[in-house]
N, C-alpha and C. Protein backbone atom coordinates (compact mmCIF):
# COMPACT_ATOMS: atom_id res chain seq x y z
N MET A 1 -19.70 14.39 0.03
CA MET A 1 -19.00 13.12 -0.09
C MET A 1 -18.79 12.49 1.28
N ARG A 2 -18.35 13.32 2.24
CA ARG A 2 -18.07 12.80 3.58
C ARG A 2 -19.32 12.17 4.18
N LEU A 3 -20.47 12.82 4.03
CA LEU A 3 -21.70 12.31 4.63
C LEU A 3 -22.21 11.07 3.91
N LYS A 4 -21.94 10.98 2.60
CA LYS A 4 -22.36 9.80 1.84
C LYS A 4 -21.73 8.53 2.39
N TRP A 5 -20.48 8.62 2.84
CA TRP A 5 -19.75 7.44 3.29
C TRP A 5 -19.59 7.39 4.80
N GLN A 6 -20.40 8.16 5.52
CA GLN A 6 -20.30 8.20 6.97
C GLN A 6 -20.39 6.78 7.55
N ASN A 7 -19.46 6.45 8.41
CA ASN A 7 -19.35 5.13 9.05
C ASN A 7 -19.04 4.01 8.06
N GLN A 8 -18.59 4.36 6.87
CA GLN A 8 -18.24 3.35 5.87
C GLN A 8 -16.92 3.68 5.18
N LEU A 9 -16.03 4.38 5.87
CA LEU A 9 -14.72 4.75 5.31
C LEU A 9 -13.63 3.92 5.98
N TYR A 10 -12.83 3.27 5.16
CA TYR A 10 -11.78 2.38 5.68
C TYR A 10 -10.43 2.80 5.12
N TYR A 11 -9.40 2.61 5.94
CA TYR A 11 -8.03 2.95 5.54
C TYR A 11 -7.18 1.70 5.65
N ILE A 12 -6.40 1.45 4.61
CA ILE A 12 -5.53 0.27 4.55
C ILE A 12 -4.11 0.75 4.27
N ASP A 13 -3.20 0.47 5.16
CA ASP A 13 -1.79 0.83 4.97
C ASP A 13 -0.99 -0.47 5.02
N LEU A 14 -0.50 -0.89 3.86
CA LEU A 14 0.11 -2.22 3.76
C LEU A 14 1.59 -2.29 4.12
N PHE A 15 2.24 -1.15 4.27
CA PHE A 15 3.66 -1.10 4.68
C PHE A 15 3.82 0.06 5.66
N THR A 16 3.26 -0.06 6.85
CA THR A 16 3.16 1.09 7.75
C THR A 16 4.49 1.62 8.25
N GLY A 17 5.41 0.76 8.57
CA GLY A 17 6.60 1.23 9.26
C GLY A 17 6.23 1.67 10.67
N PRO A 18 7.13 2.38 11.34
CA PRO A 18 6.91 2.73 12.75
C PRO A 18 6.02 3.95 12.97
N GLY A 19 5.55 4.59 11.91
CA GLY A 19 4.64 5.73 12.07
C GLY A 19 5.31 7.08 12.07
N LYS A 20 6.61 7.11 12.11
CA LYS A 20 7.37 8.36 12.06
C LYS A 20 8.44 8.24 10.98
N CYS A 21 8.73 9.36 10.34
CA CYS A 21 9.75 9.41 9.30
C CYS A 21 10.76 10.49 9.65
N LEU A 22 11.97 10.31 9.21
CA LEU A 22 13.02 11.30 9.41
C LEU A 22 13.32 11.93 8.07
N THR A 23 13.16 13.26 7.96
CA THR A 23 13.43 13.94 6.69
C THR A 23 14.94 14.02 6.46
N ARG A 24 15.33 13.89 5.21
CA ARG A 24 16.75 13.97 4.88
C ARG A 24 17.30 15.38 5.00
N GLU A 25 16.50 16.36 4.56
CA GLU A 25 16.97 17.73 4.52
C GLU A 25 17.27 18.29 5.91
N LYS A 26 16.27 18.24 6.77
CA LYS A 26 16.40 18.87 8.09
C LYS A 26 16.61 17.87 9.21
N GLU A 27 16.57 16.59 8.86
CA GLU A 27 16.66 15.52 9.86
C GLU A 27 15.67 15.73 10.99
N GLU A 28 14.44 16.10 10.61
CA GLU A 28 13.39 16.26 11.61
C GLU A 28 12.41 15.10 11.48
N GLU A 29 11.81 14.76 12.59
CA GLU A 29 10.87 13.65 12.62
C GLU A 29 9.47 14.18 12.27
N ILE A 30 8.82 13.50 11.34
CA ILE A 30 7.46 13.86 10.93
C ILE A 30 6.57 12.63 10.97
N ASP A 31 5.27 12.86 11.01
CA ASP A 31 4.33 11.74 11.00
C ASP A 31 4.39 10.99 9.68
N GLY A 32 4.32 9.68 9.76
CA GLY A 32 4.23 8.83 8.58
C GLY A 32 2.78 8.60 8.23
N SER A 33 2.56 7.84 7.19
CA SER A 33 1.21 7.63 6.65
C SER A 33 0.19 7.12 7.67
N PRO A 34 0.52 6.17 8.54
CA PRO A 34 -0.53 5.69 9.45
C PRO A 34 -0.98 6.77 10.45
N LEU A 35 -0.04 7.58 10.93
CA LEU A 35 -0.42 8.63 11.88
C LEU A 35 -1.16 9.76 11.17
N ILE A 36 -0.79 10.04 9.94
CA ILE A 36 -1.53 11.04 9.16
C ILE A 36 -2.97 10.59 8.98
N ALA A 37 -3.16 9.33 8.63
CA ALA A 37 -4.52 8.79 8.45
C ALA A 37 -5.30 8.81 9.76
N LEU A 38 -4.66 8.45 10.83
CA LEU A 38 -5.33 8.40 12.13
C LEU A 38 -5.77 9.80 12.58
N ASN A 39 -5.04 10.82 12.14
CA ASN A 39 -5.35 12.20 12.52
C ASN A 39 -6.12 12.95 11.44
N ALA A 40 -6.67 12.24 10.47
CA ALA A 40 -7.45 12.89 9.41
C ALA A 40 -8.62 13.65 10.03
N PRO A 41 -9.01 14.77 9.40
CA PRO A 41 -10.12 15.56 9.96
C PRO A 41 -11.43 14.79 10.09
N TYR A 42 -11.68 13.87 9.18
CA TYR A 42 -12.86 13.02 9.25
C TYR A 42 -12.37 11.59 9.46
N PRO A 43 -12.59 11.04 10.63
CA PRO A 43 -11.97 9.75 10.97
C PRO A 43 -12.50 8.58 10.13
N PHE A 44 -11.61 7.65 9.93
CA PHE A 44 -11.97 6.40 9.26
C PHE A 44 -12.74 5.52 10.24
N THR A 45 -13.66 4.75 9.71
CA THR A 45 -14.43 3.80 10.52
C THR A 45 -13.50 2.75 11.10
N ARG A 46 -12.56 2.32 10.28
CA ARG A 46 -11.60 1.29 10.67
C ARG A 46 -10.32 1.48 9.87
N SER A 47 -9.20 1.27 10.51
CA SER A 47 -7.90 1.34 9.83
C SER A 47 -7.18 0.02 10.01
N PHE A 48 -6.49 -0.39 8.95
CA PHE A 48 -5.70 -1.62 8.97
C PHE A 48 -4.24 -1.23 8.76
N PHE A 49 -3.42 -1.45 9.78
CA PHE A 49 -2.00 -1.12 9.71
C PHE A 49 -1.23 -2.44 9.64
N VAL A 50 -0.57 -2.66 8.51
CA VAL A 50 0.11 -3.93 8.25
C VAL A 50 1.61 -3.69 8.11
N ASP A 51 2.38 -4.54 8.76
CA ASP A 51 3.83 -4.53 8.54
C ASP A 51 4.37 -5.91 8.88
N LEU A 52 5.36 -6.32 8.11
CA LEU A 52 5.98 -7.62 8.32
C LEU A 52 6.96 -7.59 9.50
N ASN A 53 7.45 -6.40 9.82
CA ASN A 53 8.43 -6.25 10.89
C ASN A 53 7.71 -6.01 12.22
N GLU A 54 7.80 -6.97 13.09
CA GLU A 54 7.09 -6.91 14.36
C GLU A 54 7.57 -5.74 15.23
N THR A 55 8.85 -5.42 15.17
CA THR A 55 9.40 -4.33 15.98
C THR A 55 8.82 -2.98 15.57
N VAL A 56 8.77 -2.70 14.26
CA VAL A 56 8.24 -1.41 13.82
C VAL A 56 6.73 -1.34 14.04
N LEU A 57 6.03 -2.46 13.90
CA LEU A 57 4.59 -2.46 14.16
C LEU A 57 4.32 -2.21 15.64
N GLY A 58 5.17 -2.76 16.49
CA GLY A 58 5.06 -2.49 17.94
C GLY A 58 5.30 -1.03 18.26
N ALA A 59 6.28 -0.42 17.60
CA ALA A 59 6.55 1.01 17.80
C ALA A 59 5.36 1.84 17.35
N LEU A 60 4.76 1.47 16.23
CA LEU A 60 3.58 2.18 15.75
C LEU A 60 2.42 2.03 16.74
N SER A 61 2.19 0.84 17.22
CA SER A 61 1.12 0.61 18.18
C SER A 61 1.33 1.46 19.43
N GLU A 62 2.55 1.52 19.88
CA GLU A 62 2.89 2.34 21.05
C GLU A 62 2.59 3.82 20.79
N ARG A 63 2.90 4.29 19.58
CA ARG A 63 2.64 5.70 19.22
C ARG A 63 1.14 5.99 19.13
N CYS A 64 0.35 4.97 18.83
CA CYS A 64 -1.09 5.15 18.63
C CYS A 64 -1.91 4.91 19.90
N LYS A 65 -1.34 4.29 20.90
CA LYS A 65 -2.14 3.75 22.01
C LYS A 65 -2.98 4.78 22.76
N ASN A 66 -2.58 6.04 22.78
CA ASN A 66 -3.35 7.06 23.48
C ASN A 66 -4.25 7.87 22.56
N HIS A 67 -4.29 7.49 21.31
CA HIS A 67 -5.13 8.22 20.34
C HIS A 67 -6.60 7.87 20.59
N PRO A 68 -7.51 8.84 20.46
CA PRO A 68 -8.93 8.53 20.71
C PRO A 68 -9.53 7.48 19.78
N TYR A 69 -8.90 7.25 18.62
CA TYR A 69 -9.42 6.25 17.69
C TYR A 69 -8.59 4.96 17.67
N PHE A 70 -7.82 4.76 18.71
CA PHE A 70 -6.98 3.56 18.79
C PHE A 70 -7.81 2.28 18.63
N ASN A 71 -9.02 2.28 19.19
CA ASN A 71 -9.86 1.08 19.12
C ASN A 71 -10.38 0.81 17.72
N ARG A 72 -10.18 1.72 16.78
CA ARG A 72 -10.60 1.53 15.39
C ARG A 72 -9.47 0.96 14.52
N VAL A 73 -8.32 0.74 15.12
CA VAL A 73 -7.16 0.28 14.37
C VAL A 73 -6.96 -1.21 14.59
N LYS A 74 -6.71 -1.90 13.49
CA LYS A 74 -6.33 -3.31 13.56
C LYS A 74 -4.88 -3.39 13.10
N PHE A 75 -4.00 -3.81 13.99
CA PHE A 75 -2.59 -3.97 13.68
C PHE A 75 -2.37 -5.42 13.22
N ILE A 76 -1.76 -5.56 12.06
CA ILE A 76 -1.58 -6.90 11.50
C ILE A 76 -0.09 -7.12 11.22
N HIS A 77 0.48 -8.04 11.95
CA HIS A 77 1.89 -8.41 11.75
C HIS A 77 1.92 -9.58 10.77
N ASP A 78 2.15 -9.24 9.48
CA ASP A 78 2.15 -10.28 8.46
C ASP A 78 2.62 -9.68 7.14
N ASP A 79 2.86 -10.53 6.19
CA ASP A 79 3.12 -10.12 4.82
C ASP A 79 1.80 -9.58 4.28
N CYS A 80 1.81 -8.39 3.71
CA CYS A 80 0.55 -7.78 3.23
C CYS A 80 -0.13 -8.62 2.17
N ASN A 81 0.63 -9.39 1.42
CA ASN A 81 0.05 -10.24 0.37
C ASN A 81 -0.74 -11.41 0.95
N ILE A 82 -0.47 -11.73 2.19
CA ILE A 82 -1.23 -12.76 2.91
C ILE A 82 -2.34 -12.10 3.73
N ALA A 83 -2.03 -11.00 4.37
CA ALA A 83 -3.00 -10.30 5.24
C ALA A 83 -4.18 -9.73 4.46
N ILE A 84 -4.03 -9.54 3.17
CA ILE A 84 -5.09 -8.90 2.39
C ILE A 84 -6.41 -9.67 2.46
N ASP A 85 -6.37 -10.97 2.55
CA ASP A 85 -7.61 -11.76 2.65
C ASP A 85 -8.38 -11.42 3.93
N GLU A 86 -7.67 -11.30 5.03
CA GLU A 86 -8.28 -10.93 6.31
C GLU A 86 -8.86 -9.51 6.24
N ILE A 87 -8.14 -8.61 5.60
CA ILE A 87 -8.60 -7.22 5.49
C ILE A 87 -9.86 -7.14 4.64
N ILE A 88 -9.85 -7.77 3.48
CA ILE A 88 -11.02 -7.75 2.59
C ILE A 88 -12.24 -8.33 3.30
N ALA A 89 -12.05 -9.37 4.08
CA ALA A 89 -13.16 -9.98 4.80
C ALA A 89 -13.77 -9.02 5.83
N ASP A 90 -12.97 -8.07 6.34
CA ASP A 90 -13.43 -7.12 7.36
C ASP A 90 -14.04 -5.84 6.77
N ILE A 91 -14.00 -5.69 5.45
CA ILE A 91 -14.51 -4.47 4.83
C ILE A 91 -15.83 -4.78 4.13
N PRO A 92 -16.89 -4.07 4.52
CA PRO A 92 -18.19 -4.32 3.88
C PRO A 92 -18.17 -3.99 2.38
N GLN A 93 -19.02 -4.67 1.64
CA GLN A 93 -19.12 -4.44 0.19
C GLN A 93 -19.47 -2.99 -0.12
N LYS A 94 -20.41 -2.43 0.59
CA LYS A 94 -20.89 -1.07 0.29
C LYS A 94 -20.17 -0.05 1.16
N SER A 95 -18.89 0.04 0.98
CA SER A 95 -18.06 1.00 1.71
C SER A 95 -17.04 1.59 0.75
N LEU A 96 -16.31 2.55 1.24
CA LEU A 96 -15.23 3.16 0.46
C LEU A 96 -13.95 3.07 1.28
N SER A 97 -12.89 2.65 0.62
CA SER A 97 -11.61 2.50 1.31
C SER A 97 -10.52 3.26 0.56
N LEU A 98 -9.49 3.58 1.30
CA LEU A 98 -8.28 4.16 0.73
C LEU A 98 -7.14 3.23 1.12
N ALA A 99 -6.42 2.73 0.12
CA ALA A 99 -5.26 1.88 0.37
C ALA A 99 -4.00 2.64 0.02
N PHE A 100 -3.10 2.72 0.98
CA PHE A 100 -1.80 3.36 0.78
C PHE A 100 -0.77 2.25 0.68
N ILE A 101 -0.08 2.20 -0.46
CA ILE A 101 0.86 1.11 -0.73
C ILE A 101 2.20 1.73 -1.06
N ASP A 102 3.13 1.64 -0.12
CA ASP A 102 4.42 2.30 -0.24
C ASP A 102 5.54 1.32 0.13
N PRO A 103 5.77 0.33 -0.73
CA PRO A 103 6.81 -0.65 -0.41
C PRO A 103 8.22 -0.06 -0.60
N THR A 104 9.16 -0.58 0.15
CA THR A 104 10.55 -0.14 -0.03
C THR A 104 11.25 -0.91 -1.14
N GLY A 105 10.60 -1.93 -1.64
CA GLY A 105 11.16 -2.75 -2.72
C GLY A 105 10.03 -3.40 -3.49
N LEU A 106 10.28 -4.56 -4.01
CA LEU A 106 9.30 -5.26 -4.84
C LEU A 106 8.57 -6.33 -4.03
N HIS A 107 8.02 -5.92 -2.89
CA HIS A 107 7.40 -6.86 -1.97
C HIS A 107 5.88 -6.95 -2.12
N PHE A 108 5.36 -6.30 -3.13
CA PHE A 108 3.92 -6.19 -3.30
C PHE A 108 3.52 -6.91 -4.58
N LYS A 109 2.50 -7.76 -4.50
CA LYS A 109 2.11 -8.57 -5.65
C LYS A 109 0.84 -8.05 -6.31
N PHE A 110 0.77 -8.21 -7.61
CA PHE A 110 -0.40 -7.77 -8.36
C PHE A 110 -1.65 -8.52 -7.92
N THR A 111 -1.49 -9.74 -7.49
CA THR A 111 -2.65 -10.52 -7.01
C THR A 111 -3.31 -9.82 -5.82
N THR A 112 -2.51 -9.11 -5.03
CA THR A 112 -3.05 -8.35 -3.90
C THR A 112 -3.91 -7.20 -4.39
N LEU A 113 -3.48 -6.54 -5.47
CA LEU A 113 -4.30 -5.48 -6.07
C LEU A 113 -5.61 -6.04 -6.59
N LYS A 114 -5.56 -7.20 -7.18
CA LYS A 114 -6.80 -7.84 -7.67
C LYS A 114 -7.78 -8.07 -6.53
N LYS A 115 -7.27 -8.47 -5.39
CA LYS A 115 -8.13 -8.69 -4.23
C LYS A 115 -8.71 -7.37 -3.72
N LEU A 116 -7.91 -6.32 -3.71
CA LEU A 116 -8.41 -5.00 -3.30
C LEU A 116 -9.51 -4.53 -4.24
N ALA A 117 -9.40 -4.86 -5.50
CA ALA A 117 -10.39 -4.43 -6.50
C ALA A 117 -11.76 -5.08 -6.28
N GLN A 118 -11.85 -6.06 -5.37
CA GLN A 118 -13.13 -6.67 -5.02
C GLN A 118 -14.02 -5.70 -4.23
N ARG A 119 -13.41 -4.67 -3.68
CA ARG A 119 -14.12 -3.65 -2.91
C ARG A 119 -13.91 -2.31 -3.62
N ARG A 120 -14.64 -1.32 -3.18
CA ARG A 120 -14.47 0.04 -3.70
C ARG A 120 -13.28 0.65 -2.96
N VAL A 121 -12.12 0.64 -3.60
CA VAL A 121 -10.88 1.07 -2.96
C VAL A 121 -10.15 2.05 -3.86
N ASP A 122 -9.87 3.22 -3.34
CA ASP A 122 -8.97 4.15 -4.02
C ASP A 122 -7.55 3.78 -3.62
N LEU A 123 -6.63 3.94 -4.55
CA LEU A 123 -5.24 3.54 -4.30
C LEU A 123 -4.30 4.73 -4.34
N ILE A 124 -3.34 4.72 -3.46
CA ILE A 124 -2.15 5.56 -3.56
C ILE A 124 -0.99 4.58 -3.55
N VAL A 125 -0.32 4.46 -4.68
CA VAL A 125 0.75 3.48 -4.83
C VAL A 125 2.04 4.18 -5.21
N THR A 126 3.10 3.92 -4.47
CA THR A 126 4.41 4.36 -4.91
C THR A 126 5.06 3.19 -5.62
N PHE A 127 5.65 3.48 -6.74
CA PHE A 127 6.24 2.43 -7.56
C PHE A 127 7.75 2.55 -7.46
N PRO A 128 8.45 1.50 -7.03
CA PRO A 128 9.89 1.56 -6.77
C PRO A 128 10.73 1.56 -8.06
N GLU A 129 10.55 2.60 -8.87
CA GLU A 129 11.23 2.66 -10.16
C GLU A 129 12.75 2.77 -10.02
N GLY A 130 13.22 3.64 -9.17
CA GLY A 130 14.65 3.94 -9.08
C GLY A 130 15.50 2.76 -8.68
N MET A 131 15.65 2.57 -7.40
CA MET A 131 16.55 1.54 -6.88
C MET A 131 16.12 0.12 -7.25
N ALA A 132 14.87 -0.19 -7.03
CA ALA A 132 14.42 -1.58 -7.19
C ALA A 132 14.34 -2.02 -8.65
N ILE A 133 13.97 -1.13 -9.55
CA ILE A 133 13.77 -1.55 -10.94
C ILE A 133 14.95 -1.15 -11.82
N ASN A 134 15.19 0.14 -11.96
CA ASN A 134 16.27 0.57 -12.86
C ASN A 134 17.60 -0.06 -12.52
N ARG A 135 17.86 -0.23 -11.25
CA ARG A 135 19.14 -0.79 -10.81
C ARG A 135 19.26 -2.29 -11.12
N ASN A 136 18.12 -2.97 -11.17
CA ASN A 136 18.13 -4.44 -11.30
C ASN A 136 17.54 -4.96 -12.60
N ILE A 137 17.14 -4.10 -13.50
CA ILE A 137 16.42 -4.54 -14.69
C ILE A 137 17.22 -5.54 -15.53
N SER A 138 18.51 -5.33 -15.67
CA SER A 138 19.34 -6.26 -16.46
C SER A 138 19.33 -7.66 -15.85
N GLN A 139 19.46 -7.72 -14.54
CA GLN A 139 19.43 -9.01 -13.85
C GLN A 139 18.06 -9.65 -13.97
N PHE A 140 16.99 -8.86 -13.77
CA PHE A 140 15.63 -9.40 -13.86
C PHE A 140 15.35 -10.00 -15.23
N LEU A 141 15.84 -9.35 -16.27
CA LEU A 141 15.59 -9.84 -17.63
C LEU A 141 16.27 -11.19 -17.88
N GLN A 142 17.31 -11.51 -17.14
CA GLN A 142 18.02 -12.78 -17.30
C GLN A 142 17.36 -13.92 -16.54
N GLU A 143 16.51 -13.58 -15.57
CA GLU A 143 15.88 -14.60 -14.72
C GLU A 143 14.58 -15.08 -15.36
N SER A 144 14.30 -16.37 -15.18
CA SER A 144 13.04 -16.89 -15.73
C SER A 144 11.83 -16.39 -14.94
N HIS A 145 12.03 -16.11 -13.65
CA HIS A 145 10.99 -15.52 -12.82
C HIS A 145 11.67 -14.60 -11.80
N CYS A 146 11.12 -13.40 -11.64
CA CYS A 146 11.72 -12.44 -10.71
C CYS A 146 10.62 -11.72 -9.94
N PRO A 147 10.97 -10.98 -8.88
CA PRO A 147 9.96 -10.28 -8.09
C PRO A 147 9.13 -9.28 -8.90
N LEU A 148 9.68 -8.72 -9.94
CA LEU A 148 8.93 -7.77 -10.76
C LEU A 148 7.79 -8.48 -11.51
N ASP A 149 7.98 -9.73 -11.87
CA ASP A 149 6.90 -10.51 -12.49
C ASP A 149 5.68 -10.56 -11.55
N ASP A 150 5.95 -10.78 -10.26
CA ASP A 150 4.87 -10.85 -9.27
C ASP A 150 4.23 -9.49 -9.04
N MET A 151 5.05 -8.45 -9.00
CA MET A 151 4.52 -7.11 -8.74
C MET A 151 3.66 -6.61 -9.91
N ILE A 152 4.10 -6.89 -11.13
CA ILE A 152 3.36 -6.46 -12.32
C ILE A 152 2.20 -7.42 -12.61
N GLY A 153 2.38 -8.68 -12.27
CA GLY A 153 1.32 -9.66 -12.48
C GLY A 153 1.50 -10.53 -13.70
N ASP A 154 2.54 -10.28 -14.46
CA ASP A 154 2.86 -11.12 -15.62
C ASP A 154 4.26 -10.75 -16.11
N ARG A 155 4.65 -11.34 -17.22
CA ARG A 155 5.99 -11.09 -17.77
C ARG A 155 5.97 -10.06 -18.91
N GLY A 156 4.82 -9.45 -19.16
CA GLY A 156 4.67 -8.50 -20.26
C GLY A 156 5.58 -7.28 -20.16
N TRP A 157 6.00 -6.93 -18.95
CA TRP A 157 6.87 -5.79 -18.75
C TRP A 157 8.24 -5.98 -19.42
N ARG A 158 8.60 -7.21 -19.70
CA ARG A 158 9.93 -7.52 -20.22
C ARG A 158 10.19 -6.96 -21.62
N GLN A 159 9.15 -6.53 -22.30
CA GLN A 159 9.33 -5.93 -23.62
C GLN A 159 9.80 -4.48 -23.53
N PHE A 160 9.81 -3.90 -22.33
CA PHE A 160 10.18 -2.50 -22.15
C PHE A 160 11.60 -2.40 -21.60
N HIS A 161 12.20 -1.22 -21.77
CA HIS A 161 13.62 -1.07 -21.43
C HIS A 161 13.90 -0.03 -20.36
N THR A 162 12.88 0.72 -19.95
CA THR A 162 13.10 1.74 -18.92
C THR A 162 12.02 1.60 -17.84
N GLY A 163 12.35 2.13 -16.67
CA GLY A 163 11.39 2.13 -15.59
C GLY A 163 10.12 2.87 -15.94
N LYS A 164 10.25 3.97 -16.65
CA LYS A 164 9.08 4.77 -17.04
C LYS A 164 8.14 3.97 -17.95
N GLU A 165 8.71 3.21 -18.88
CA GLU A 165 7.87 2.37 -19.75
C GLU A 165 7.17 1.27 -18.95
N ILE A 166 7.88 0.73 -17.99
CA ILE A 166 7.31 -0.32 -17.14
C ILE A 166 6.17 0.26 -16.30
N ILE A 167 6.34 1.47 -15.81
CA ILE A 167 5.28 2.13 -15.04
C ILE A 167 4.04 2.32 -15.92
N GLN A 168 4.22 2.72 -17.16
CA GLN A 168 3.09 2.88 -18.06
C GLN A 168 2.36 1.55 -18.26
N TYR A 169 3.13 0.48 -18.40
CA TYR A 169 2.54 -0.85 -18.53
C TYR A 169 1.76 -1.21 -17.27
N TYR A 170 2.33 -0.93 -16.11
CA TYR A 170 1.67 -1.19 -14.83
C TYR A 170 0.36 -0.42 -14.73
N ARG A 171 0.38 0.82 -15.17
CA ARG A 171 -0.84 1.63 -15.17
C ARG A 171 -1.93 0.98 -16.03
N SER A 172 -1.52 0.45 -17.17
CA SER A 172 -2.52 -0.20 -18.03
C SER A 172 -3.11 -1.43 -17.33
N LYS A 173 -2.32 -2.09 -16.53
CA LYS A 173 -2.80 -3.24 -15.77
C LYS A 173 -3.80 -2.78 -14.69
N LEU A 174 -3.53 -1.63 -14.08
CA LEU A 174 -4.47 -1.08 -13.09
C LEU A 174 -5.80 -0.75 -13.75
N VAL A 175 -5.74 -0.18 -14.94
CA VAL A 175 -6.96 0.15 -15.69
C VAL A 175 -7.75 -1.11 -15.98
N SER A 176 -7.06 -2.21 -16.25
CA SER A 176 -7.75 -3.48 -16.52
C SER A 176 -8.53 -3.98 -15.30
N LEU A 177 -8.16 -3.49 -14.11
CA LEU A 177 -8.88 -3.86 -12.88
C LEU A 177 -10.02 -2.88 -12.58
N GLY A 178 -10.14 -1.84 -13.40
CA GLY A 178 -11.22 -0.87 -13.21
C GLY A 178 -10.76 0.43 -12.58
N TYR A 179 -9.47 0.58 -12.34
CA TYR A 179 -8.95 1.81 -11.75
C TYR A 179 -8.69 2.87 -12.82
N LYS A 180 -8.77 4.12 -12.40
CA LYS A 180 -8.32 5.23 -13.22
C LYS A 180 -6.98 5.66 -12.66
N THR A 181 -6.06 6.05 -13.51
CA THR A 181 -4.73 6.41 -13.03
C THR A 181 -4.47 7.89 -13.21
N SER A 182 -3.54 8.39 -12.43
CA SER A 182 -3.07 9.77 -12.57
C SER A 182 -1.62 9.82 -12.12
N ASP A 183 -0.97 10.91 -12.40
CA ASP A 183 0.46 11.06 -12.02
C ASP A 183 0.61 11.34 -10.55
């Protein structure tokens, strides 16, 4: 597999953060997703690190600057839903990409997933079921339009009453784009 995609592997991290995480249990600092990707045993041809927060993106850039693959990283200070057009334009049609999507809230739009589906992209998506959805579902149901409508891509989720049901609905939407889902 590695040789099949040699020089055609791309990594997309749409909510990079500063590149380091602090564990709750031991309060130790560990590498975050962008640094893990940068240190993968088989390097990516190109990595796209996106964050809306200029300060954390600067911290990440500083952490990466001495890495041997620093020149393969494109740092993008923007909303990932806007930056996706630039990223897709930089990824060849006949390549394989991995997109890591780990928003802290409902800042990710389904239209962005549709754009990613234009390329061969595997997804790792964390879905903000707990705080962002379960905590706000009553309020969202009262609004004519809410952030969850954008994240799911329509209002069809409103027929469900739990975060788990909404996740199942979201998975069906991913399948409609050609993705296979797993837990």
